């Protein structure tokens, strides 16, 4: 049942990301990645609200799986990144929070670059 909650929520979140991202680009243009920017920031706002409500008993645990893991996981994993980094900061784990934030950013950019290089090699370009 838990897997179905996550999968169903993920489908909703992925569709929302596509629709909202496209709508934003159609309004603001493609010169800056505003669609991704707005999806990521709004996902952070929403995961804070959802998990805060779950932590305080205002939403049941199943809502965490469907909304936070499923919908917001499909919408943007950046929200999870923001939440987990904030929790490390709140726990006084400054080095771990900084390592998480800067490590994911730096290694993520390197990984994208390496993926593009591998694709070019595989495509013979």
PDB file of N, CA and C in Angstrom:
ATOM      1  N   UNK A   1       0.823  -1.197   0.000  1.00  0.00           N
ATOM      2  CA  UNK A   1       0.000   0.000   0.000  1.00  0.00           C
ATOM      3  C   UNK A   1       0.869   1.264   0.000  1.00  0.00           C
ATOM      4  N   UNK A   2       1.959   1.240   0.774  1.00  0.00           N
ATOM      5  CA  UNK A   2       2.843   2.407   0.822  1.00  0.00           C
ATOM      6  C   UNK A   2       3.418   2.726  -0.548  1.00  0.00           C
ATOM      7  N   UNK A   3       3.788   1.674  -1.284  1.00  0.00           N
ATOM      8  CA  UNK A   3       4.345   1.873  -2.620  1.00  0.00           C
ATOM      9  C   UNK A   3       3.314   2.502  -3.546  1.00  0.00           C
ATOM     10  N   UNK A   4       2.070   2.122  -3.418  1.00  0.00           N
ATOM     11  CA  UNK A   4       1.021   2.714  -4.240  1.00  0.00           C
ATOM     12  C   UNK A   4       0.799   4.187  -3.911  1.00  0.00           C
ATOM     13  N   UNK A   5       0.873   4.528  -2.625  1.00  0.00           N
ATOM     14  CA  UNK A   5       0.752   5.930  -2.234  1.00  0.00           C
ATOM     15  C   UNK A   5       1.866   6.768  -2.861  1.00  0.00           C
ATOM     16  N   UNK A   6       3.088   6.264  -2.790  1.00  0.00           N
ATOM     17  CA  UNK A   6       4.234   6.993  -3.338  1.00  0.00           C
ATOM     18  C   UNK A   6       4.131   7.072  -4.862  1.00  0.00           C
ATOM     19  N   UNK A   7       3.812   5.960  -5.502  1.00  0.00           N
ATOM     20  CA  UNK A   7       3.723   5.930  -6.969  1.00  0.00           C
ATOM     21  C   UNK A   7       2.612   6.843  -7.483  1.00  0.00           C
ATOM     22  N   UNK A   8       1.451   6.790  -6.841  1.00  0.00           N
ATOM     23  CA  UNK A   8       0.344   7.655  -7.257  1.00  0.00           C
ATOM     24  C   UNK A   8       0.685   9.125  -7.068  1.00  0.00           C
ATOM     25  N   UNK A   9       1.277   9.435  -5.933  1.00  0.00           N
ATOM     26  CA  UNK A   9       1.693  10.814  -5.687  1.00  0.00           C
ATOM     27  C   UNK A   9       2.767  11.258  -6.656  1.00  0.00           C
ATOM     28  N   UNK A  10       3.706  10.360  -6.969  1.00  0.00           N
ATOM     29  CA  UNK A  10       4.772  10.688  -7.909  1.00  0.00           C
ATOM     30  C   UNK A  10       4.225  11.032  -9.285  1.00  0.00           C
ATOM     31  N   UNK A  11       3.227  10.304  -9.731  1.00  0.00           N
ATOM     32  CA  UNK A  11       2.612  10.593 -11.027  1.00  0.00           C
ATOM     33  C   UNK A  11       1.967  11.980 -11.022  1.00  0.00           C
ATOM     34  N   UNK A  12       1.285  12.313  -9.941  1.00  0.00           N
ATOM     35  CA  UNK A  12       0.661  13.637  -9.819  1.00  0.00           C
ATOM     36  C   UNK A  12       1.737  14.729  -9.819  1.00  0.00           C
ATOM     37  N   UNK A  13       2.790  14.516  -9.033  1.00  0.00           N
ATOM     38  CA  UNK A  13       3.855  15.511  -8.934  1.00  0.00           C
ATOM     39  C   UNK A  13       4.580  15.737 -10.249  1.00  0.00           C
ATOM     40  N   UNK A  14       4.882  14.653 -10.971  1.00  0.00           N
ATOM     41  CA  UNK A  14       5.573  14.778 -12.257  1.00  0.00           C
ATOM     42  C   UNK A  14       4.708  15.545 -13.254  1.00  0.00           C
ATOM     43  N   UNK A  15       3.407  15.264 -13.267  1.00  0.00           N
ATOM     44  CA  UNK A  15       2.502  15.987 -14.159  1.00  0.00           C
ATOM     45  C   UNK A  15       2.430  17.468 -13.779  1.00  0.00           C
ATOM     46  N   UNK A  16       2.381  17.749 -12.486  1.00  0.00           N
ATOM     47  CA  UNK A  16       2.366  19.144 -12.035  1.00  0.00           C
ATOM     48  C   UNK A  16       3.639  19.880 -12.431  1.00  0.00           C
ATOM     49  N   UNK A  17       4.786  19.215 -12.273  1.00  0.00           N
ATOM     50  CA  UNK A  17       6.065  19.825 -12.654  1.00  0.00           C
ATOM     51  C   UNK A  17       6.042  20.190 -14.137  1.00  0.00           C
ATOM     52  N   UNK A  18       5.580  19.291 -14.963  1.00  0.00           N
ATOM     53  CA  UNK A  18       5.516  19.521 -16.403  1.00  0.00           C
ATOM     54  C   UNK A  18       4.581  20.686 -16.719  1.00  0.00           C
ATOM     55  N   UNK A  19       3.400  20.672 -16.135  1.00  0.00           N
ATOM     56  CA  UNK A  19       2.406  21.708 -16.430  1.00  0.00           C
ATOM     57  C   UNK A  19       2.828  23.084 -15.905  1.00  0.00           C
ATOM     58  N   UNK A  20       3.272  23.138 -14.661  1.00  0.00           N
ATOM     59  CA  UNK A  20       3.667  24.424 -14.071  1.00  0.00           C
ATOM     60  C   UNK A  20       4.932  24.951 -14.730  1.00  0.00           C
ATOM     61  N   UNK A  21       5.917  24.087 -14.941  1.00  0.00           N
ATOM     62  CA  UNK A  21       7.148  24.518 -15.607  1.00  0.00           C
ATOM     63  C   UNK A  21       6.865  25.072 -16.988  1.00  0.00           C
ATOM     64  N   UNK A  22       6.031  24.394 -17.753  1.00  0.00           N
ATOM     65  CA  UNK A  22       5.668  24.868 -19.095  1.00  0.00           C
ATOM     66  C   UNK A  22       4.900  26.171 -19.055  1.00  0.00           C
ATOM     67  N   UNK A  23       3.982  26.304 -18.105  1.00  0.00           N
ATOM     68  CA  UNK A  23       3.199  27.528 -17.978  1.00  0.00           C
ATOM     69  C   UNK A  23       4.107  28.715 -17.654  1.00  0.00           C
ATOM     70  N   UNK A  24       5.047  28.506 -16.736  1.00  0.00           N
ATOM     71  CA  UNK A  24       5.965  29.588 -16.359  1.00  0.00           C
ATOM     72  C   UNK A  24       6.822  30.003 -17.558  1.00  0.00           C
ATOM     73  N   UNK A  25       7.359  29.037 -18.289  1.00  0.00           N
ATOM     74  CA  UNK A  25       8.187  29.353 -19.456  1.00  0.00           C
ATOM     75  C   UNK A  25       7.361  30.092 -20.508  1.00  0.00           C
ATOM     76  N   UNK A  26       6.103  29.716 -20.679  1.00  0.00           N
ATOM     77  CA  UNK A  26       5.261  30.396 -21.668  1.00  0.00           C
ATOM     78  C   UNK A  26       4.983  31.843 -21.267  1.00  0.00           C
ATOM     79  N   UNK A  27       5.040  32.136 -19.980  1.00  0.00           N
ATOM     80  CA  UNK A  27       4.788  33.504 -19.498  1.00  0.00           C
ATOM     81  C   UNK A  27       6.065  34.334 -19.430  1.00  0.00           C
ATOM     82  N   UNK A  28       7.177  33.719 -19.018  1.00  0.00           N
ATOM     83  CA  UNK A  28       8.410  34.471 -18.758  1.00  0.00           C
ATOM     84  C   UNK A  28       9.500  34.249 -19.812  1.00  0.00           C
ATOM     85  N   UNK A  29       9.299  33.280 -20.688  1.00  0.00           N
ATOM     86  CA  UNK A  29      10.277  33.009 -21.735  1.00  0.00           C
ATOM     87  C   UNK A  29      11.360  32.042 -21.292  1.00  0.00           C
ATOM     88  N   UNK A  30      12.141  31.551 -22.280  1.00  0.00           N
ATOM     89  CA  UNK A  30      13.136  30.521 -22.009  1.00  0.00           C
ATOM     90  C   UNK A  30      14.546  31.037 -21.715  1.00  0.00           C
ATOM     91  N   UNK A  31      14.732  32.342 -21.576  1.00  0.00           N
ATOM     92  CA  UNK A  31      16.083  32.879 -21.405  1.00  0.00           C
ATOM     93  C   UNK A  31      16.711  32.522 -20.065  1.00  0.00           C
ATOM     94  N   UNK A  32      15.910  32.280 -19.060  1.00  0.00           N
ATOM     95  CA  UNK A  32      16.379  31.870 -17.731  1.00  0.00           C
ATOM     96  C   UNK A  32      15.492  30.705 -17.308  1.00  0.00           C
ATOM     97  N   UNK A  33      16.017  29.718 -16.602  1.00  0.00           N
ATOM     98  CA  UNK A  33      15.191  28.558 -16.241  1.00  0.00           C
ATOM     99  C   UNK A  33      14.193  28.855 -15.112  1.00  0.00           C
ATOM    100  N   UNK A  34      13.301  29.815 -15.373  1.00  0.00           N
ATOM    101  CA  UNK A  34      12.317  30.209 -14.364  1.00  0.00           C
ATOM    102  C   UNK A  34      11.379  29.070 -13.987  1.00  0.00           C
ATOM    103  N   UNK A  35      11.039  28.210 -14.940  1.00  0.00           N
ATOM    104  CA  UNK A  35      10.144  27.093 -14.627  1.00  0.00           C
ATOM    105  C   UNK A  35      10.732  26.205 -13.548  1.00  0.00           C
ATOM    106  N   UNK A  36      11.977  25.803 -13.733  1.00  0.00           N
ATOM    107  CA  UNK A  36      12.653  24.965 -12.743  1.00  0.00           C
ATOM    108  C   UNK A  36      12.833  25.712 -11.434  1.00  0.00           C
ATOM    109  N   UNK A  37      13.204  26.972 -11.522  1.00  0.00           N
ATOM    110  CA  UNK A  37      13.427  27.801 -10.338  1.00  0.00           C
ATOM    111  C   UNK A  37      12.157  27.857  -9.481  1.00  0.00           C
ATOM    112  N   UNK A  38      11.035  28.159 -10.119  1.00  0.00           N
ATOM    113  CA  UNK A  38       9.768  28.300  -9.386  1.00  0.00           C
ATOM    114  C   UNK A  38       9.289  26.950  -8.851  1.00  0.00           C
ATOM    115  N   UNK A  39       9.450  25.896  -9.631  1.00  0.00           N
ATOM    116  CA  UNK A  39       9.071  24.562  -9.162  1.00  0.00           C
ATOM    117  C   UNK A  39       9.904  24.183  -7.934  1.00  0.00           C
ATOM    118  N   UNK A  40      11.214  24.407  -7.986  1.00  0.00           N
ATOM    119  CA  UNK A  40      12.079  24.037  -6.863  1.00  0.00           C
ATOM    120  C   UNK A  40      11.747  24.829  -5.600  1.00  0.00           C
ATOM    121  N   UNK A  41      11.571  26.122  -5.724  1.00  0.00           N
ATOM    122  CA  UNK A  41      11.287  26.945  -4.542  1.00  0.00           C
ATOM    123  C   UNK A  41       9.892  26.638  -3.992  1.00  0.00           C
ATOM    124  N   UNK A  42       8.909  26.496  -4.871  1.00  0.00           N
ATOM    125  CA  UNK A  42       7.564  26.177  -4.382  1.00  0.00           C
ATOM    126  C   UNK A  42       7.532  24.780  -3.757  1.00  0.00           C
ATOM    127  N   UNK A  43       8.318  23.853  -4.295  1.00  0.00           N
ATOM    128  CA  UNK A  43       8.406  22.520  -3.698  1.00  0.00           C
ATOM    129  C   UNK A  43       8.981  22.575  -2.294  1.00  0.00           C
ATOM    130  N   UNK A  44       9.981  23.438  -2.094  1.00  0.00           N
ATOM    131  CA  UNK A  44      10.554  23.602  -0.746  1.00  0.00           C
ATOM    132  C   UNK A  44       9.512  24.157   0.220  1.00  0.00           C
ATOM    133  N   UNK A  45       8.758  25.157  -0.221  1.00  0.00           N
ATOM    134  CA  UNK A  45       7.696  25.721   0.622  1.00  0.00           C
ATOM    135  C   UNK A  45       6.685  24.635   0.990  1.00  0.00           C
ATOM    136  N   UNK A  46       6.271  23.873   0.003  1.00  0.00           N
ATOM    137  CA  UNK A  46       5.249  22.858   0.234  1.00  0.00           C
ATOM    138  C   UNK A  46       5.744  21.711   1.112  1.00  0.00           C
ATOM    139  N   UNK A  47       6.990  21.270   0.934  1.00  0.00           N
ATOM    140  CA  UNK A  47       7.470  20.161   1.775  1.00  0.00           C
ATOM    141  C   UNK A  47       7.617  20.614   3.224  1.00  0.00           C
ATOM    142  N   UNK A  48       7.997  21.869   3.426  1.00  0.00           N
ATOM    143  CA  UNK A  48       8.056  22.392   4.787  1.00  0.00           C
ATOM    144  C   UNK A  48       6.689  22.373   5.440  1.00  0.00           C
ATOM    145  N   UNK A  49       5.680  22.811   4.684  1.00  0.00           N
ATOM    146  CA  UNK A  49       4.318  22.837   5.217  1.00  0.00           C
ATOM    147  C   UNK A  49       3.800  21.424   5.478  1.00  0.00           C
ATOM    148  N   UNK A  50       3.948  20.534   4.507  1.00  0.00           N
ATOM    149  CA  UNK A  50       3.428  19.169   4.647  1.00  0.00           C
ATOM    150  C   UNK A  50       4.103  18.441   5.803  1.00  0.00           C
ATOM    151  N   UNK A  51       5.440  18.454   5.834  1.00  0.00           N
ATOM    152  CA  UNK A  51       6.135  17.718   6.892  1.00  0.00           C
ATOM    153  C   UNK A  51       5.950  18.369   8.251  1.00  0.00           C
ATOM    154  N   UNK A  52       5.797  19.685   8.280  1.00  0.00           N
ATOM    155  CA  UNK A  52       5.479  20.354   9.540  1.00  0.00           C
ATOM    156  C   UNK A  52       4.117  19.920  10.065  1.00  0.00           C
ATOM    157  N   UNK A  53       3.136  19.810   9.172  1.00  0.00           N
ATOM    158  CA  UNK A  53       1.806  19.354   9.581  1.00  0.00           C
ATOM    159  C   UNK A  53       1.826  17.896  10.026  1.00  0.00           C
ATOM    160  N   UNK A  54       2.601  17.058   9.358  1.00  0.00           N
ATOM    161  CA  UNK A  54       2.734  15.648   9.770  1.00  0.00           C
ATOM    162  C   UNK A  54       3.394  15.571  11.142  1.00  0.00           C
ATOM    163  N   UNK A  55       4.481  16.329  11.342  1.00  0.00           N
ATOM    164  CA  UNK A  55       5.202  16.306  12.622  1.00  0.00           C
ATOM    165  C   UNK A  55       4.322  16.742  13.788  1.00  0.00           C
ATOM    166  N   UNK A  56       3.388  17.654  13.529  1.00  0.00           N
ATOM    167  CA  UNK A  56       2.518  18.154  14.589  1.00  0.00           C
ATOM    168  C   UNK A  56       1.180  17.416  14.664  1.00  0.00           C
ATOM    169  N   UNK A  57       1.070  16.317  13.926  1.00  0.00           N
ATOM    170  CA  UNK A  57      -0.122  15.485  14.007  1.00  0.00           C
ATOM    171  C   UNK A  57      -1.332  16.016  13.273  1.00  0.00           C
ATOM    172  N   UNK A  58      -1.180  17.069  12.482  1.00  0.00           N
ATOM    173  CA  UNK A  58      -2.310  17.631  11.754  1.00  0.00           C
ATOM    174  C   UNK A  58      -2.600  16.855  10.470  1.00  0.00           C
ATOM    175  N   UNK A  59      -1.654  16.047  10.023  1.00  0.00           N
ATOM    176  CA  UNK A  59      -1.852  15.164   8.875  1.00  0.00           C
ATOM    177  C   UNK A  59      -1.400  13.770   9.278  1.00  0.00           C
ATOM    178  N   UNK A  60      -2.065  12.741   8.770  1.00  0.00           N
ATOM    179  CA  UNK A  60      -1.657  11.370   9.105  1.00  0.00           C
ATOM    180  C   UNK A  60      -0.362  10.979   8.382  1.00  0.00           C
ATOM    181  N   UNK A  61       0.276   9.922   8.874  1.00  0.00           N
ATOM    182  CA  UNK A  61       1.530   9.456   8.291  1.00  0.00           C
ATOM    183  C   UNK A  61       1.424   9.111   6.816  1.00  0.00           C
ATOM    184  N   UNK A  62       0.275   8.605   6.391  1.00  0.00           N
ATOM    185  CA  UNK A  62       0.069   8.286   4.974  1.00  0.00           C
ATOM    186  C   UNK A  62       0.169   9.520   4.095  1.00  0.00           C
ATOM    187  N   UNK A  63      -0.185  10.672   4.651  1.00  0.00           N
ATOM    188  CA  UNK A  63      -0.071  11.924   3.899  1.00  0.00           C
ATOM    189  C   UNK A  63       1.390  12.235   3.613  1.00  0.00           C
ATOM    190  N   UNK A  64       2.275  11.873   4.535  1.00  0.00           N
ATOM    191  CA  UNK A  64       3.706  12.071   4.312  1.00  0.00           C
ATOM    192  C   UNK A  64       4.155  11.281   3.098  1.00  0.00           C
ATOM    193  N   UNK A  65       3.738  10.020   3.022  1.00  0.00           N
ATOM    194  CA  UNK A  65       4.133   9.186   1.887  1.00  0.00           C
ATOM    195  C   UNK A  65       3.550   9.718   0.581  1.00  0.00           C
ATOM    196  N   UNK A  66       2.259  10.010   0.575  1.00  0.00           N
ATOM    197  CA  UNK A  66       1.613  10.461  -0.659  1.00  0.00           C
ATOM    198  C   UNK A  66       2.080  11.859  -1.062  1.00  0.00           C
ATOM    199  N   UNK A  67       2.032  12.812  -0.121  1.00  0.00           N
ATOM    200  CA  UNK A  67       2.337  14.204  -0.467  1.00  0.00           C
ATOM    201  C   UNK A  67       3.833  14.512  -0.524  1.00  0.00           C
ATOM    202  N   UNK A  68       4.564  14.186   0.538  1.00  0.00           N
ATOM    203  CA  UNK A  68       5.983  14.572   0.589  1.00  0.00           C
ATOM    204  C   UNK A  68       6.843  13.674  -0.293  1.00  0.00           C
ATOM    205  N   UNK A  69       6.733  12.359  -0.108  1.00  0.00           N
ATOM    206  CA  UNK A  69       7.576  11.444  -0.882  1.00  0.00           C
ATOM    207  C   UNK A  69       7.062  11.319  -2.311  1.00  0.00           C
ATOM    208  N   UNK A  70       5.764  11.164  -2.476  1.00  0.00           N
ATOM    209  CA  UNK A  70       5.180  10.959  -3.803  1.00  0.00           C
ATOM    210  C   UNK A  70       5.025  12.232  -4.612  1.00  0.00           C
ATOM    211  N   UNK A  71       4.049  13.067  -4.239  1.00  0.00           N
ATOM    212  CA  UNK A  71       3.763  14.269  -5.031  1.00  0.00           C
ATOM    213  C   UNK A  71       4.981  15.176  -5.119  1.00  0.00           C
ATOM    214  N   UNK A  72       5.540  15.543  -3.972  1.00  0.00           N
ATOM    215  CA  UNK A  72       6.668  16.481  -4.005  1.00  0.00           C
ATOM    216  C   UNK A  72       7.947  15.822  -4.505  1.00  0.00           C
ATOM    217  N   UNK A  73       8.091  14.512  -4.316  1.00  0.00           N
ATOM    218  CA  UNK A  73       9.229  13.803  -4.895  1.00  0.00           C
ATOM    219  C   UNK A  73       9.157  13.773  -6.411  1.00  0.00           C
ATOM    220  N   UNK A  74       7.950  13.646  -6.951  1.00  0.00           N
ATOM    221  CA  UNK A  74       7.760  13.706  -8.400  1.00  0.00           C
ATOM    222  C   UNK A  74       7.833  15.131  -8.924  1.00  0.00           C
ATOM    223  N   UNK A  75       7.410  16.062  -8.106  1.00  0.00           N
ATOM    224  CA  UNK A  75       7.412  17.488  -8.474  1.00  0.00           C
ATOM    225  C   UNK A  75       8.842  18.013  -8.498  1.00  0.00           C
ATOM    226  N   UNK A  76       9.601  17.742  -7.438  1.00  0.00           N
ATOM    227  CA  UNK A  76      10.997  18.160  -7.365  1.00  0.00           C
ATOM    228  C   UNK A  76      11.687  17.476  -6.204  1.00  0.00           C
ATOM    229  N   UNK A  77      12.840  16.869  -6.445  1.00  0.00           N
ATOM    230  CA  UNK A  77      13.596  16.337  -5.324  1.00  0.00           C
ATOM    231  C   UNK A  77      14.372  17.440  -4.615  1.00  0.00           C
ATOM    232  N   UNK A  78      14.387  18.625  -5.208  1.00  0.00           N
ATOM    233  CA  UNK A  78      15.058  19.748  -4.568  1.00  0.00           C
ATOM    234  C   UNK A  78      14.402  20.077  -3.231  1.00  0.00           C
ATOM    235  N   UNK A  79      13.103  19.829  -3.128  1.00  0.00           N
ATOM    236  CA  UNK A  79      12.410  20.087  -1.865  1.00  0.00           C
ATOM    237  C   UNK A  79      12.947  19.190  -0.762  1.00  0.00           C
ATOM    238  N   UNK A  80      13.198  17.930  -1.067  1.00  0.00           N
ATOM    239  CA  UNK A  80      13.771  17.012  -0.084  1.00  0.00           C
ATOM    240  C   UNK A  80      15.175  17.458   0.294  1.00  0.00           C
ATOM    241  N   UNK A  81      15.959  17.844  -0.689  1.00  0.00           N
ATOM    242  CA  UNK A  81      17.301  18.370  -0.449  1.00  0.00           C
ATOM    243  C   UNK A  81      17.243  19.569   0.511  1.00  0.00           C
ATOM    244  N   UNK A  82      16.338  20.497   0.262  1.00  0.00           N
ATOM    245  CA  UNK A  82      16.206  21.672   1.128  1.00  0.00           C
ATOM    246  C   UNK A  82      15.803  21.298   2.541  1.00  0.00           C
ATOM    247  N   UNK A  83      14.847  20.394   2.661  1.00  0.00           N
ATOM    248  CA  UNK A  83      14.364  19.974   3.974  1.00  0.00           C
ATOM    249  C   UNK A  83      15.466  19.268   4.759  1.00  0.00           C
ATOM    250  N   UNK A  84      16.149  18.337   4.119  1.00  0.00           N
ATOM    251  CA  UNK A  84      17.185  17.577   4.820  1.00  0.00           C
ATOM    252  C   UNK A  84      18.364  18.479   5.223  1.00  0.00           C
ATOM    253  N   UNK A  85      18.708  19.412   4.369  1.00  0.00           N
ATOM    254  CA  UNK A  85      19.792  20.340   4.695  1.00  0.00           C
ATOM    255  C   UNK A  85      19.395  21.232   5.869  1.00  0.00           C
ATOM    256  N   UNK A  86      18.164  21.707   5.869  1.00  0.00           N
ATOM    257  CA  UNK A  86      17.687  22.534   6.978  1.00  0.00           C
ATOM    258  C   UNK A  86      17.683  21.752   8.284  1.00  0.00           C
ATOM    259  N   UNK A  87      17.268  20.500   8.236  1.00  0.00           N
ATOM    260  CA  UNK A  87      17.258  19.682   9.459  1.00  0.00           C
ATOM    261  C   UNK A  87      18.676  19.505  10.007  1.00  0.00           C
ATOM    262  N   UNK A  88      19.658  19.344   9.119  1.00  0.00           N
ATOM    263  CA  UNK A  88      21.049  19.265   9.575  1.00  0.00           C
ATOM    264  C   UNK A  88      21.455  20.579  10.248  1.00  0.00           C
ATOM    265  N   UNK A  89      21.074  21.702   9.667  1.00  0.00           N
ATOM    266  CA  UNK A  89      21.383  23.007  10.275  1.00  0.00           C
ATOM    267  C   UNK A  89      20.712  23.147  11.641  1.00  0.00           C
ATOM    268  N   UNK A  90      19.440  22.772  11.716  1.00  0.00           N
ATOM    269  CA  UNK A  90      18.706  22.863  12.985  1.00  0.00           C
ATOM    270  C   UNK A  90      19.330  21.972  14.053  1.00  0.00           C
ATOM    271  N   UNK A  91      19.922  20.866  13.635  1.00  0.00           N
ATOM    272  CA  UNK A  91      20.570  19.954  14.573  1.00  0.00           C
ATOM    273  C   UNK A  91      21.987  20.377  14.923  1.00  0.00           C
ATOM    274  N   UNK A  92      22.402  21.540  14.434  1.00  0.00           N
ATOM    275  CA  UNK A  92      23.729  22.048  14.733  1.00  0.00           C
ATOM    276  C   UNK A  92      24.837  21.372  13.945  1.00  0.00           C
ATOM    277  N   UNK A  93      24.480  20.616  12.944  1.00  0.00           N
ATOM    278  CA  UNK A  93      25.463  19.903  12.134  1.00  0.00           C
ATOM    279  C   UNK A  93      25.847  20.769  10.924  1.00  0.00           C
ATOM    280  N   UNK A  94      26.580  21.847  11.206  1.00  0.00           N
ATOM    281  CA  UNK A  94      26.911  22.821  10.172  1.00  0.00           C
ATOM    282  C   UNK A  94      27.785  22.229   9.078  1.00  0.00           C
ATOM    283  N   UNK A  95      28.781  21.447   9.450  1.00  0.00           N
ATOM    284  CA  UNK A  95      29.667  20.851   8.447  1.00  0.00           C
ATOM    285  C   UNK A  95      28.894  19.882   7.559  1.00  0.00           C
ATOM    286  N   UNK A  96      28.035  19.092   8.158  1.00  0.00           N
ATOM    287  CA  UNK A  96      27.240  18.140   7.375  1.00  0.00           C
ATOM    288  C   UNK A  96      26.287  18.887   6.444  1.00  0.00           C
ATOM    289  N   UNK A  97      25.657  19.958   6.927  1.00  0.00           N
ATOM    290  CA  UNK A  97      24.744  20.743   6.091  1.00  0.00           C
ATOM    291  C   UNK A  97      25.489  21.381   4.925  1.00  0.00           C
ATOM    292  N   UNK A  98      26.639  21.978   5.206  1.00  0.00           N
ATOM    293  CA  UNK A  98      27.433  22.604   4.142  1.00  0.00           C
ATOM    294  C   UNK A  98      27.936  21.553   3.155  1.00  0.00           C
ATOM    295  N   UNK A  99      28.375  20.407   3.669  1.00  0.00           N
ATOM    296  CA  UNK A  99      28.845  19.332   2.791  1.00  0.00           C
ATOM    297  C   UNK A  99      27.716  18.843   1.897  1.00  0.00           C
ATOM    298  N   UNK A 100      26.525  18.711   2.459  1.00  0.00           N
ATOM    299  CA  UNK A 100      25.375  18.269   1.681  1.00  0.00           C
ATOM    300  C   UNK A 100      25.037  19.293   0.600  1.00  0.00           C
ATOM    301  N   UNK A 101      24.932  20.554   0.992  1.00  0.00           N
ATOM    302  CA  UNK A 101      24.530  21.597   0.047  1.00  0.00           C
ATOM    303  C   UNK A 101      25.562  21.784  -1.065  1.00  0.00           C
ATOM    304  N   UNK A 102      26.792  22.031  -0.681  1.00  0.00           N
ATOM    305  CA  UNK A 102      27.816  22.303  -1.686  1.00  0.00           C
ATOM    306  C   UNK A 102      28.243  21.035  -2.419  1.00  0.00           C
ATOM    307  N   UNK A 103      28.243  19.909  -1.704  1.00  0.00           N
ATOM    308  CA  UNK A 103      28.617  18.646  -2.336  1.00  0.00           C
ATOM    309  C   UNK A 103      27.646  18.236  -3.426  1.00  0.00           C
ATOM    310  N   UNK A 104      26.350  18.321  -3.135  1.00  0.00           N
ATOM    311  CA  UNK A 104      25.363  17.954  -4.151  1.00  0.00           C
ATOM    312  C   UNK A 104      25.409  18.902  -5.340  1.00  0.00           C
ATOM    313  N   UNK A 105      25.594  20.193  -5.061  1.00  0.00           N
ATOM    314  CA  UNK A 105      25.658  21.160  -6.160  1.00  0.00           C
ATOM    315  C   UNK A 105      26.888  20.895  -7.028  1.00  0.00           C
ATOM    316  N   UNK A 106      28.051  20.833  -6.408  1.00  0.00           N
ATOM    317  CA  UNK A 106      29.293  20.666  -7.165  1.00  0.00           C
ATOM    318  C   UNK A 106      29.331  19.311  -7.875  1.00  0.00           C
ATOM    319  N   UNK A 107      29.067  18.237  -7.144  1.00  0.00           N
ATOM    320  CA  UNK A 107      29.119  16.915  -7.755  1.00  0.00           C
ATOM    321  C   UNK A 107      27.999  16.723  -8.778  1.00  0.00           C
ATOM    322  N   UNK A 108      26.856  17.339  -8.530  1.00  0.00           N
ATOM    323  CA  UNK A 108      25.761  17.273  -9.505  1.00  0.00           C
ATOM    324  C   UNK A 108      26.151  17.915 -10.826  1.00  0.00           C
ATOM    325  N   UNK A 109      26.812  19.076 -10.756  1.00  0.00           N
ATOM    326  CA  UNK A 109      27.258  19.737 -11.989  1.00  0.00           C
ATOM    327  C   UNK A 109      28.318  18.906 -12.696  1.00  0.00           C
ATOM    328  N   UNK A 110      29.244  18.344 -11.944  1.00  0.00           N
ATOM    329  CA  UNK A 110      30.271  17.483 -12.542  1.00  0.00           C
ATOM    330  C   UNK A 110      29.610  16.259 -13.183  1.00  0.00           C
ATOM    331  N   UNK A 111      28.632  15.666 -12.500  1.00  0.00           N
ATOM    332  CA  UNK A 111      27.953  14.485 -13.031  1.00  0.00           C
ATOM    333  C   UNK A 111      27.201  14.810 -14.323  1.00  0.00           C
ATOM    334  N   UNK A 112      26.538  15.966 -14.374  1.00  0.00           N
ATOM    335  CA  UNK A 112      25.851  16.368 -15.610  1.00  0.00           C
ATOM    336  C   UNK A 112      26.867  16.504 -16.747  1.00  0.00           C
ATOM    337  N   UNK A 113      27.982  17.149 -16.455  1.00  0.00           N
ATOM    338  CA  UNK A 113      29.030  17.314 -17.470  1.00  0.00           C
ATOM    339  C   UNK A 113      29.529  15.954 -17.962  1.00  0.00           C
ATOM    340  N   UNK A 114      29.836  15.045 -17.033  1.00  0.00           N
ATOM    341  CA  UNK A 114      30.325  13.722 -17.412  1.00  0.00           C
ATOM    342  C   UNK A 114      29.274  12.944 -18.206  1.00  0.00           C
ATOM    343  N   UNK A 115      28.017  13.094 -17.832  1.00  0.00           N
ATOM    344  CA  UNK A 115      26.941  12.452 -18.590  1.00  0.00           C
ATOM    345  C   UNK A 115      26.868  12.974 -20.015  1.00  0.00           C
ATOM    346  N   UNK A 116      27.022  14.293 -20.178  1.00  0.00           N
ATOM    347  CA  UNK A 116      27.018  14.874 -21.523  1.00  0.00           C
ATOM    348  C   UNK A 116      28.217  14.398 -22.334  1.00  0.00           C
ATOM    349  N   UNK A 117      29.389  14.321 -21.703  1.00  0.00           N
ATOM    350  CA  UNK A 117      30.584  13.819 -22.392  1.00  0.00           C
ATOM    351  C   UNK A 117      30.367  12.368 -22.822  1.00  0.00           C
ATOM    352  N   UNK A 118      29.835  11.542 -21.917  1.00  0.00           N
ATOM    353  CA  UNK A 118      29.582  10.134 -22.247  1.00  0.00           C
ATOM    354  C   UNK A 118      28.583  10.027 -23.403  1.00  0.00           C
ATOM    355  N   UNK A 119      27.549  10.861 -23.375  1.00  0.00           N
ATOM    356  CA  UNK A 119      26.542  10.828 -24.446  1.00  0.00           C
ATOM    357  C   UNK A 119      27.165  11.208 -25.787  1.00  0.00           C
ATOM    358  N   UNK A 120      28.026  12.214 -25.774  1.00  0.00           N
ATOM    359  CA  UNK A 120      28.705  12.618 -27.019  1.00  0.00           C
ATOM    360  C   UNK A 120      29.571  11.495 -27.558  1.00  0.00           C
ATOM    361  N   UNK A 121      30.284  10.811 -26.661  1.00  0.00           N
ATOM    362  CA  UNK A 121      31.136   9.699 -27.094  1.00  0.00           C
ATOM    363  C   UNK A 121      30.274   8.567 -27.662  1.00  0.00           C
ATOM    364  N   UNK A 122      29.199   8.219 -26.944  1.00  0.00           N
ATOM    365  CA  UNK A 122      28.330   7.141 -27.402  1.00  0.00           C
ATOM    366  C   UNK A 122      27.627   7.478 -28.714  1.00  0.00           C
ATOM    367  N   UNK A 123      27.321   8.746 -28.905  1.00  0.00           N
ATOM    368  CA  UNK A 123      26.642   9.183 -30.131  1.00  0.00           C
ATOM    369  C   UNK A 123      27.620   9.419 -31.273  1.00  0.00           C
ATOM    370  N   UNK A 124      28.912   9.342 -30.966  1.00  0.00           N
ATOM    371  CA  UNK A 124      29.925   9.563 -31.984  1.00  0.00           C
ATOM    372  C   UNK A 124      30.041  11.008 -32.418  1.00  0.00           C
ATOM    373  N   UNK A 125      29.651  11.902 -31.533  1.00  0.00           N
ATOM    374  CA  UNK A 125      29.692  13.334 -31.890  1.00  0.00           C
ATOM    375  C   UNK A 125      31.006  13.977 -31.520  1.00  0.00           C
TER     376      UNK A 125
END
